[in-house]
Amino acid sequence: MGDERLLDVRQVSLALGLSDRSIRRMVRSGLVPRPVKLGQGIRWQSTVLDQWMRGGCKPVEQVAESDGQ
């Protein structure tokens, strides 16, 4: 995990083609993987986000429910 990158809201919004504000709304709604809080900012582990995107960007709450959690 030495090369693990942390992505900020701007990088995630560019990767998904959405606005920063949309990403923040999706976080509050549980539609994206939970970010890591660093100081006043939030970051996503690139591997977690990549895996979520490869899995079809399913709402995180829906994924947890379908996994029986």
Protein backbone atom coordinates (compact mmCIF):
# COMPACT_ATOMS: atom_id res chain seq x y z
CA MET A 1 0.00 0.00 0.00
CA GLY A 2 3.05 2.26 -0.26
CA ASP A 3 1.84 3.82 -3.50
CA GLU A 4 -1.71 4.44 -2.26
CA ARG A 5 -2.90 7.82 -3.48
CA LEU A 6 -5.45 9.94 -1.70
CA LEU A 7 -7.81 11.84 -3.99
CA ASP A 8 -9.51 15.10 -3.05
CA VAL A 9 -13.05 16.14 -3.95
CA ARG A 10 -11.86 17.89 -7.11
CA GLN A 11 -10.04 14.83 -8.41
CA VAL A 12 -13.04 12.59 -7.67
CA SER A 13 -15.44 15.02 -9.35
CA LEU A 14 -13.25 15.08 -12.47
CA ALA A 15 -13.01 11.28 -12.52
CA LEU A 16 -16.81 10.95 -12.30
CA GLY A 17 -17.67 13.94 -14.49
CA LEU A 18 -19.66 15.60 -11.71
CA SER A 19 -19.40 18.84 -9.77
CA ASP A 20 -17.69 19.06 -6.39
CA ARG A 21 -21.06 19.87 -4.86
CA SER A 22 -22.62 16.73 -6.37
CA ILE A 23 -19.84 14.60 -4.87
CA ARG A 24 -20.46 16.12 -1.43
CA ARG A 25 -24.19 15.40 -1.76
CA MET A 26 -23.43 11.82 -2.76
CA VAL A 27 -21.24 11.43 0.34
CA ARG A 28 -24.09 12.60 2.60
CA SER A 29 -26.50 10.22 0.84
CA GLY A 30 -24.20 7.20 1.06
CA LEU A 31 -23.90 6.87 -2.70
CA VAL A 32 -20.10 6.84 -2.85
CA PRO A 33 -17.50 5.12 -0.69
CA ARG A 34 -16.93 6.93 2.58
CA PRO A 35 -13.97 9.32 2.38
CA VAL A 36 -11.20 9.68 4.96
CA LYS A 37 -11.26 12.94 6.89
CA LEU A 38 -7.92 14.73 7.01
CA GLY A 39 -8.06 17.94 8.98
CA GLN A 40 -10.87 19.95 7.42
CA GLY A 41 -10.66 18.13 4.08
CA ILE A 42 -11.80 14.74 2.87
CA ARG A 43 -9.91 12.28 0.70
CA TRP A 44 -10.64 8.96 -0.96
CA GLN A 45 -8.20 6.09 -1.24
CA SER A 46 -7.63 5.69 -4.96
CA THR A 47 -7.85 1.88 -4.78
CA VAL A 48 -11.21 2.01 -2.99
CA LEU A 49 -12.60 4.48 -5.51
CA ASP A 50 -11.22 2.49 -8.48
CA GLN A 51 -12.78 -0.71 -7.17
CA TRP A 52 -16.12 1.03 -6.65
CA MET A 53 -16.04 2.46 -10.18
CA ARG A 54 -15.12 -0.94 -11.70
CA GLY A 55 -18.05 -2.42 -9.80
CA GLY A 56 -20.48 -0.10 -11.58
CA CYS A 57 -20.63 2.80 -9.08
CA LYS A 58 -23.40 1.16 -7.08
CA PRO A 59 -24.68 3.13 -4.10
CA VAL A 60 -22.63 2.06 -1.08
CA GLU A 61 -25.73 1.61 1.09
CA GLN A 62 -27.24 -0.67 -1.58
CA VAL A 63 -24.04 -2.72 -1.78
CA ALA A 64 -23.96 -3.16 2.01
CA GLU A 65 -27.61 -4.28 2.02
CA SER A 66 -27.06 -6.79 -0.79
CA ASP A 67 -24.04 -8.20 1.08
CA GLY A 68 -26.28 -8.88 4.05
CA GLN A 69 -24.80 -6.15 6.23
